Full PDB file with SEQRES, HELIX, SHEET, SSBOND, CRYST1, ORIGX, SCALE, CONECT and MASTER records, all heavy atoms in Angstrom:
SEQRES   1 A   30  LEU ALA ALA LEU GLY ILE GLY CYS VAL ALA ILE SER SER          
SEQRES   2 A   30  ASN ASP ALA ASN ASP TYR PRO GLU ASP SER PHE GLU ASN          
SEQRES   3 A   30  MET ARG GLN VAL                                              
HELIX    1 AA1 ALA A    2  LEU A    4  5                                   3    
HELIX    2 AA2 PRO A   20  ASP A   22  5                                   3    
HELIX    3 AA3 PHE A   24  GLN A   29  1                                   6    
CRYST1    1.000    1.000    1.000  90.00  90.00  90.00 P 1           1          
ORIGX1      1.000000  0.000000  0.000000        0.00000                         
ORIGX2      0.000000  1.000000  0.000000        0.00000                         
ORIGX3      0.000000  0.000000  1.000000        0.00000                         
SCALE1      1.000000  0.000000  0.000000        0.00000                         
SCALE2      0.000000  1.000000  0.000000        0.00000                         
SCALE3      0.000000  0.000000  1.000000        0.00000                         
ATOM      1  N   LEU A   1       0.820  -1.210   0.003  1.00  0.00           N  
ATOM      2  CA  LEU A   1      -0.005  -0.004  -0.004  1.00  0.00           C  
ATOM      3  C   LEU A   1       0.861   1.258   0.006  1.00  0.00           C  
ATOM      4  O   LEU A   1       0.503   2.257  -0.622  1.00  0.00           O  
ATOM      5  CB  LEU A   1      -0.955   0.001   1.188  1.00  0.00           C  
ATOM      6  CG  LEU A   1      -2.103  -1.000   1.081  1.00  0.00           C  
ATOM      7  CD1 LEU A   1      -2.863  -1.095   2.411  1.00  0.00           C  
ATOM      8  CD2 LEU A   1      -3.041  -0.662  -0.066  1.00  0.00           C  
ATOM      9  N   ALA A   2       2.002   1.227   0.674  1.00  0.00           N  
ATOM     10  CA  ALA A   2       2.916   2.374   0.659  1.00  0.00           C  
ATOM     11  C   ALA A   2       3.326   2.707  -0.770  1.00  0.00           C  
ATOM     12  O   ALA A   2       3.424   3.886  -1.140  1.00  0.00           O  
ATOM     13  CB  ALA A   2       4.134   2.099   1.540  1.00  0.00           C  
ATOM     14  N   ALA A   3       3.555   1.681  -1.579  1.00  0.00           N  
ATOM     15  CA  ALA A   3       3.929   1.891  -2.972  1.00  0.00           C  
ATOM     16  C   ALA A   3       2.788   2.548  -3.777  1.00  0.00           C  
ATOM     17  O   ALA A   3       3.037   3.157  -4.817  1.00  0.00           O  
ATOM     18  CB  ALA A   3       4.351   0.577  -3.622  1.00  0.00           C  
ATOM     19  N   LEU A   4       1.569   2.425  -3.272  1.00  0.00           N  
ATOM     20  CA  LEU A   4       0.401   3.043  -3.934  1.00  0.00           C  
ATOM     21  C   LEU A   4       0.057   4.423  -3.345  1.00  0.00           C  
ATOM     22  O   LEU A   4      -0.928   5.033  -3.716  1.00  0.00           O  
ATOM     23  CB  LEU A   4      -0.826   2.126  -3.795  1.00  0.00           C  
ATOM     24  CG  LEU A   4      -0.734   0.777  -4.491  1.00  0.00           C  
ATOM     25  CD1 LEU A   4      -1.928  -0.090  -4.106  1.00  0.00           C  
ATOM     26  CD2 LEU A   4      -0.659   0.957  -5.989  1.00  0.00           C  
ATOM     27  N   GLY A   5       0.873   4.896  -2.394  1.00  0.00           N  
ATOM     28  CA  GLY A   5       0.646   6.213  -1.802  1.00  0.00           C  
ATOM     29  C   GLY A   5      -0.218   6.214  -0.565  1.00  0.00           C  
ATOM     30  O   GLY A   5      -0.689   7.262  -0.124  1.00  0.00           O  
ATOM     31  N   ILE A   6      -0.447   5.044   0.019  1.00  0.00           N  
ATOM     32  CA  ILE A   6      -1.232   4.941   1.259  1.00  0.00           C  
ATOM     33  C   ILE A   6      -0.259   4.816   2.434  1.00  0.00           C  
ATOM     34  O   ILE A   6       0.516   3.879   2.526  1.00  0.00           O  
ATOM     35  CB  ILE A   6      -2.166   3.715   1.235  1.00  0.00           C  
ATOM     36  CG1 ILE A   6      -3.154   3.764   0.078  1.00  0.00           C  
ATOM     37  CG2 ILE A   6      -2.905   3.569   2.582  1.00  0.00           C  
ATOM     38  CD1 ILE A   6      -4.200   4.845   0.161  1.00  0.00           C  
ATOM     39  N   GLY A   7      -0.296   5.804   3.319  1.00  0.00           N  
ATOM     40  CA  GLY A   7       0.492   5.741   4.548  1.00  0.00           C  
ATOM     41  C   GLY A   7      -0.190   4.811   5.546  1.00  0.00           C  
ATOM     42  O   GLY A   7      -1.418   4.725   5.576  1.00  0.00           O  
ATOM     43  N   CYS A   8       0.584   4.112   6.340  1.00  0.00           N  
ATOM     44  CA  CYS A   8       0.043   3.172   7.317  1.00  0.00           C  
ATOM     45  C   CYS A   8       0.617   3.475   8.692  1.00  0.00           C  
ATOM     46  O   CYS A   8       1.776   3.887   8.815  1.00  0.00           O  
ATOM     47  CB  CYS A   8       0.379   1.735   6.938  1.00  0.00           C  
ATOM     48  SG  CYS A   8      -0.319   1.199   5.369  1.00  0.00           S  
ATOM     49  N   VAL A   9      -0.196   3.231   9.704  1.00  0.00           N  
ATOM     50  CA  VAL A   9       0.228   3.367  11.094  1.00  0.00           C  
ATOM     51  C   VAL A   9      -0.497   2.325  11.917  1.00  0.00           C  
ATOM     52  O   VAL A   9      -1.665   2.011  11.647  1.00  0.00           O  
ATOM     53  CB  VAL A   9      -0.057   4.799  11.636  1.00  0.00           C  
ATOM     54  CG1 VAL A   9      -1.529   5.149  11.575  1.00  0.00           C  
ATOM     55  CG2 VAL A   9       0.494   4.991  13.036  1.00  0.00           C  
ATOM     56  N   ALA A  10       0.197   1.763  12.903  1.00  0.00           N  
ATOM     57  CA  ALA A  10      -0.405   0.820  13.835  1.00  0.00           C  
ATOM     58  C   ALA A  10      -0.408   1.455  15.212  1.00  0.00           C  
ATOM     59  O   ALA A  10       0.574   2.083  15.627  1.00  0.00           O  
ATOM     60  CB  ALA A  10       0.367  -0.487  13.843  1.00  0.00           C  
ATOM     61  N   ILE A  11      -1.526   1.281  15.916  1.00  0.00           N  
ATOM     62  CA  ILE A  11      -1.695   1.846  17.250  1.00  0.00           C  
ATOM     63  C   ILE A  11      -2.136   0.739  18.194  1.00  0.00           C  
ATOM     64  O   ILE A  11      -3.034  -0.028  17.892  1.00  0.00           O  
ATOM     65  CB  ILE A  11      -2.761   2.972  17.252  1.00  0.00           C  
ATOM     66  CG1 ILE A  11      -2.337   4.088  16.307  1.00  0.00           C  
ATOM     67  CG2 ILE A  11      -3.000   3.500  18.668  1.00  0.00           C  
ATOM     68  CD1 ILE A  11      -3.391   5.167  16.094  1.00  0.00           C  
ATOM     69  N   SER A  12      -1.458   0.653  19.350  1.00  0.00           N  
ATOM     70  CA  SER A  12      -1.898  -0.257  20.406  1.00  0.00           C  
ATOM     71  C   SER A  12      -2.478   0.587  21.519  1.00  0.00           C  
ATOM     72  O   SER A  12      -1.853   1.527  22.021  1.00  0.00           O  
ATOM     73  CB  SER A  12      -0.732  -1.079  20.947  1.00  0.00           C  
ATOM     74  OG  SER A  12      -1.175  -1.907  22.007  1.00  0.00           O  
ATOM     75  N   SER A  13      -3.717   0.257  21.886  1.00  0.00           N  
ATOM     76  CA  SER A  13      -4.425   1.000  22.926  1.00  0.00           C  
ATOM     77  C   SER A  13      -4.746   0.143  24.147  1.00  0.00           C  
ATOM     78  O   SER A  13      -5.433   0.577  25.055  1.00  0.00           O  
ATOM     79  CB  SER A  13      -5.737   1.569  22.359  1.00  0.00           C  
ATOM     80  OG  SER A  13      -5.484   2.448  21.295  1.00  0.00           O  
ATOM     81  N   ASN A  14      -4.249  -1.080  24.155  1.00  0.00           N  
ATOM     82  CA  ASN A  14      -4.569  -1.976  25.269  1.00  0.00           C  
ATOM     83  C   ASN A  14      -3.960  -1.526  26.578  1.00  0.00           C  
ATOM     84  O   ASN A  14      -2.875  -0.933  26.610  1.00  0.00           O  
ATOM     85  CB  ASN A  14      -4.092  -3.412  24.962  1.00  0.00           C  
ATOM     86  CG  ASN A  14      -5.058  -4.164  24.086  1.00  0.00           C  
ATOM     87  OD1 ASN A  14      -6.130  -3.682  23.730  1.00  0.00           O  
ATOM     88  ND2 ASN A  14      -4.684  -5.383  23.739  1.00  0.00           N  
ATOM     89  N   ASP A  15      -4.637  -1.853  27.659  1.00  0.00           N  
ATOM     90  CA  ASP A  15      -4.160  -1.583  29.003  1.00  0.00           C  
ATOM     91  C   ASP A  15      -2.976  -2.480  29.307  1.00  0.00           C  
ATOM     92  O   ASP A  15      -3.158  -3.693  29.531  1.00  0.00           O  
ATOM     93  CB  ASP A  15      -5.306  -1.809  30.002  1.00  0.00           C  
ATOM     94  CG  ASP A  15      -4.875  -1.575  31.442  1.00  0.00           C  
ATOM     95  OD1 ASP A  15      -3.745  -1.147  31.687  1.00  0.00           O  
ATOM     96  OD2 ASP A  15      -5.715  -1.866  32.337  1.00  0.00           O  
ATOM     97  N   ALA A  16      -1.782  -1.929  29.287  1.00  0.00           N  
ATOM     98  CA  ALA A  16      -0.565  -2.746  29.491  1.00  0.00           C  
ATOM     99  C   ALA A  16      -0.408  -3.177  30.949  1.00  0.00           C  
ATOM    100  O   ALA A  16       0.348  -4.117  31.216  1.00  0.00           O  
ATOM    101  CB  ALA A  16       0.668  -1.958  29.043  1.00  0.00           C  
ATOM    102  N   ASN A  17      -1.111  -2.544  31.878  1.00  0.00           N  
ATOM    103  CA  ASN A  17      -1.025  -2.989  33.271  1.00  0.00           C  
ATOM    104  C   ASN A  17      -1.651  -4.383  33.422  1.00  0.00           C  
ATOM    105  O   ASN A  17      -1.096  -5.248  34.108  1.00  0.00           O  
ATOM    106  CB  ASN A  17      -1.734  -2.008  34.207  1.00  0.00           C  
ATOM    107  CG  ASN A  17      -0.973  -0.707  34.324  1.00  0.00           C  
ATOM    108  OD1 ASN A  17       0.268  -0.686  34.264  1.00  0.00           O  
ATOM    109  ND2 ASN A  17      -1.691   0.389  34.470  1.00  0.00           N  
ATOM    110  N   ASP A  18      -2.786  -4.601  32.761  1.00  0.00           N  
ATOM    111  CA  ASP A  18      -3.432  -5.915  32.833  1.00  0.00           C  
ATOM    112  C   ASP A  18      -2.912  -6.859  31.759  1.00  0.00           C  
ATOM    113  O   ASP A  18      -3.087  -8.076  31.864  1.00  0.00           O  
ATOM    114  CB  ASP A  18      -4.958  -5.754  32.672  1.00  0.00           C  
ATOM    115  CG  ASP A  18      -5.606  -5.211  33.930  1.00  0.00           C  
ATOM    116  OD1 ASP A  18      -4.953  -5.200  35.006  1.00  0.00           O  
ATOM    117  OD2 ASP A  18      -6.773  -4.766  33.844  1.00  0.00           O  
ATOM    118  N   TYR A  19      -2.298  -6.323  30.719  1.00  0.00           N  
ATOM    119  CA  TYR A  19      -1.784  -7.132  29.603  1.00  0.00           C  
ATOM    120  C   TYR A  19      -0.332  -6.723  29.311  1.00  0.00           C  
ATOM    121  O   TYR A  19      -0.043  -6.012  28.351  1.00  0.00           O  
ATOM    122  CB  TYR A  19      -2.678  -6.956  28.352  1.00  0.00           C  
ATOM    123  CG  TYR A  19      -4.061  -7.478  28.599  1.00  0.00           C  
ATOM    124  CD1 TYR A  19      -5.031  -6.679  29.198  1.00  0.00           C  
ATOM    125  CD2 TYR A  19      -4.378  -8.798  28.319  1.00  0.00           C  
ATOM    126  CE1 TYR A  19      -6.293  -7.172  29.478  1.00  0.00           C  
ATOM    127  CE2 TYR A  19      -5.639  -9.301  28.594  1.00  0.00           C  
ATOM    128  CZ  TYR A  19      -6.591  -8.480  29.167  1.00  0.00           C  
ATOM    129  OH  TYR A  19      -7.830  -8.986  29.456  1.00  0.00           O  
ATOM    130  N   PRO A  20       0.614  -7.154  30.178  1.00  0.00           N  
ATOM    131  CA  PRO A  20       2.000  -6.706  30.073  1.00  0.00           C  
ATOM    132  C   PRO A  20       2.660  -7.039  28.735  1.00  0.00           C  
ATOM    133  O   PRO A  20       3.610  -6.375  28.335  1.00  0.00           O  
ATOM    134  CB  PRO A  20       2.705  -7.376  31.234  1.00  0.00           C  
ATOM    135  CG  PRO A  20       1.744  -8.308  31.858  1.00  0.00           C  
ATOM    136  CD  PRO A  20       0.375  -8.013  31.331  1.00  0.00           C  
ATOM    137  N   GLU A  21       2.161  -8.057  28.038  1.00  0.00           N  
ATOM    138  CA  GLU A  21       2.722  -8.385  26.719  1.00  0.00           C  
ATOM    139  C   GLU A  21       2.542  -7.211  25.752  1.00  0.00           C  
ATOM    140  O   GLU A  21       3.274  -7.081  24.779  1.00  0.00           O  
ATOM    141  CB  GLU A  21       2.049  -9.645  26.156  1.00  0.00           C  
ATOM    142  CG  GLU A  21       2.742 -10.213  24.953  1.00  0.00           C  
ATOM    143  CD  GLU A  21       2.136 -11.521  24.498  1.00  0.00           C  
ATOM    144  OE1 GLU A  21       1.443 -12.179  25.292  1.00  0.00           O  
ATOM    145  OE2 GLU A  21       2.374 -11.882  23.327  1.00  0.00           O  
ATOM    146  N   ASP A  22       1.561  -6.325  26.043  1.00  0.00           N  
ATOM    147  CA  ASP A  22       1.309  -5.171  25.194  1.00  0.00           C  
ATOM    148  C   ASP A  22       1.983  -3.889  25.679  1.00  0.00           C  
ATOM    149  O   ASP A  22       1.642  -2.792  25.249  1.00  0.00           O  
ATOM    150  CB  ASP A  22      -0.205  -4.946  25.098  1.00  0.00           C  
ATOM    151  CG  ASP A  22      -0.897  -6.085  24.356  1.00  0.00           C  
ATOM    152  OD1 ASP A  22      -0.265  -6.716  23.498  1.00  0.00           O  
ATOM    153  OD2 ASP A  22      -2.103  -6.334  24.645  1.00  0.00           O  
ATOM    154  N   SER A  23       2.962  -4.025  26.553  1.00  0.00           N  
ATOM    155  CA  SER A  23       3.676  -2.853  27.074  1.00  0.00           C  
ATOM    156  C   SER A  23       4.458  -2.174  25.942  1.00  0.00           C  
ATOM    157  O   SER A  23       4.748  -2.775  24.902  1.00  0.00           O  
ATOM    158  CB  SER A  23       4.644  -3.242  28.183  1.00  0.00           C  
ATOM    159  OG  SER A  23       5.759  -3.940  27.612  1.00  0.00           O  
ATOM    160  N   PHE A  24       4.808  -0.918  26.180  1.00  0.00           N  
ATOM    161  CA  PHE A  24       5.556  -0.147  25.173  1.00  0.00           C  
ATOM    162  C   PHE A  24       6.885  -0.833  24.829  1.00  0.00           C  
ATOM    163  O   PHE A  24       7.242  -0.912  23.663  1.00  0.00           O  
ATOM    164  CB  PHE A  24       5.780   1.270  25.711  1.00  0.00           C  
ATOM    165  CG  PHE A  24       6.317   2.222  24.683  1.00  0.00           C  
ATOM    166  CD1 PHE A  24       5.517   2.663  23.646  1.00  0.00           C  
ATOM    167  CD2 PHE A  24       7.621   2.685  24.759  1.00  0.00           C  
ATOM    168  CE1 PHE A  24       5.993   3.551  22.693  1.00  0.00           C  
ATOM    169  CE2 PHE A  24       8.114   3.570  23.820  1.00  0.00           C  
ATOM    170  CZ  PHE A  24       7.304   3.993  22.782  1.00  0.00           C  
ATOM    171  N   GLU A  25       7.575  -1.328  25.846  1.00  0.00           N  
ATOM    172  CA  GLU A  25       8.853  -2.014  25.590  1.00  0.00           C  
ATOM    173  C   GLU A  25       8.624  -3.269  24.744  1.00  0.00           C  
ATOM    174  O   GLU A  25       9.390  -3.559  23.819  1.00  0.00           O  
ATOM    175  CB  GLU A  25       9.564  -2.357  26.898  1.00  0.00           C  
ATOM    176  CG  GLU A  25      10.928  -3.002  26.686  1.00  0.00           C  
ATOM    177  CD  GLU A  25      11.874  -2.179  25.802  1.00  0.00           C  
ATOM    178  OE1 GLU A  25      11.908  -0.951  25.903  1.00  0.00           O  
ATOM    179  OE2 GLU A  25      12.574  -2.815  24.955  1.00  0.00           O  
ATOM    180  N   ASN A  26       7.597  -4.035  25.043  1.00  0.00           N  
ATOM    181  CA  ASN A  26       7.316  -5.213  24.243  1.00  0.00           C  
ATOM    182  C   ASN A  26       6.851  -4.851  22.840  1.00  0.00           C  
ATOM    183  O   ASN A  26       7.127  -5.576  21.875  1.00  0.00           O  
ATOM    184  CB  ASN A  26       6.276  -6.099  24.953  1.00  0.00           C  
ATOM    185  CG  ASN A  26       6.888  -6.839  26.118  1.00  0.00           C  
ATOM    186  OD1 ASN A  26       8.081  -7.127  26.137  1.00  0.00           O  
ATOM    187  ND2 ASN A  26       6.085  -7.122  27.127  1.00  0.00           N  
ATOM    188  N   MET A  27       6.142  -3.730  22.708  1.00  0.00           N  
ATOM    189  CA  MET A  27       5.783  -3.240  21.364  1.00  0.00           C  
ATOM    190  C   MET A  27       7.043  -2.981  20.541  1.00  0.00           C  
ATOM    191  O   MET A  27       7.132  -3.345  19.372  1.00  0.00           O  
ATOM    192  CB  MET A  27       4.961  -1.945  21.464  1.00  0.00           C  
ATOM    193  CG  MET A  27       3.557  -2.107  21.973  1.00  0.00           C  
ATOM    194  SD  MET A  27       2.766  -0.481  22.279  1.00  0.00           S  
ATOM    195  CE  MET A  27       2.903   0.305  20.677  1.00  0.00           C  
ATOM    196  N   ARG A  28       8.027  -2.330  21.175  1.00  0.00           N  
ATOM    197  CA  ARG A  28       9.298  -2.030  20.510  1.00  0.00           C  
ATOM    198  C   ARG A  28       9.956  -3.318  20.038  1.00  0.00           C  
ATOM    199  O   ARG A  28      10.445  -3.426  18.903  1.00  0.00           O  
ATOM    200  CB  ARG A  28      10.210  -1.252  21.456  1.00  0.00           C  
ATOM    201  CG  ARG A  28      11.571  -0.913  20.840  1.00  0.00           C  
ATOM    202  CD  ARG A  28      12.463  -0.143  21.787  1.00  0.00           C  
ATOM    203  NE  ARG A  28      11.948   1.207  21.971  1.00  0.00           N  
ATOM    204  CZ  ARG A  28      11.543   1.724  23.148  1.00  0.00           C  
ATOM    205  NH1 ARG A  28      11.611   1.006  24.231  1.00  0.00           N  
ATOM    206  NH2 ARG A  28      11.094   2.948  23.220  1.00  0.00           N  
ATOM    207  N   GLN A  29       9.990  -4.316  20.905  1.00  0.00           N  
ATOM    208  CA  GLN A  29      10.624  -5.576  20.553  1.00  0.00           C  
ATOM    209  C   GLN A  29       9.937  -6.270  19.372  1.00  0.00           C  
ATOM    210  O   GLN A  29      10.593  -6.748  18.446  1.00  0.00           O  
ATOM    211  CB  GLN A  29      10.663  -6.511  21.760  1.00  0.00           C  
ATOM    212  CG  GLN A  29      11.592  -6.063  22.845  1.00  0.00           C  
ATOM    213  CD  GLN A  29      11.490  -6.907  24.112  1.00  0.00           C  
ATOM    214  OE1 GLN A  29      10.756  -7.899  24.169  1.00  0.00           O  
ATOM    215  NE2 GLN A  29      12.221  -6.526  25.150  1.00  0.00           N  
ATOM    216  N   VAL A  30       8.599  -6.277  19.377  1.00  0.00           N  
ATOM    217  CA  VAL A  30       7.846  -6.900  18.287  1.00  0.00           C  
ATOM    218  C   VAL A  30       8.073  -6.146  16.985  1.00  0.00           C  
ATOM    219  O   VAL A  30       8.278  -6.765  15.939  1.00  0.00           O  
ATOM    220  CB  VAL A  30       6.343  -6.981  18.649  1.00  0.00           C  
ATOM    221  CG1 VAL A  30       5.499  -7.322  17.424  1.00  0.00           C  
ATOM    222  CG2 VAL A  30       6.133  -8.015  19.756  1.00  0.00           C  
TER     223      VAL A  30                                                      
MASTER        0    0    0    3    0    0    0    6  222    1    0    3          
END                                                                             
């Protein structure tokens, strides 16, 4: 899609306190 001129962004909004796998640091690693 980037090649077609569509910019993309992914957002995580999950509560990382209850779901530590979704923490900012784990997001960086993934």
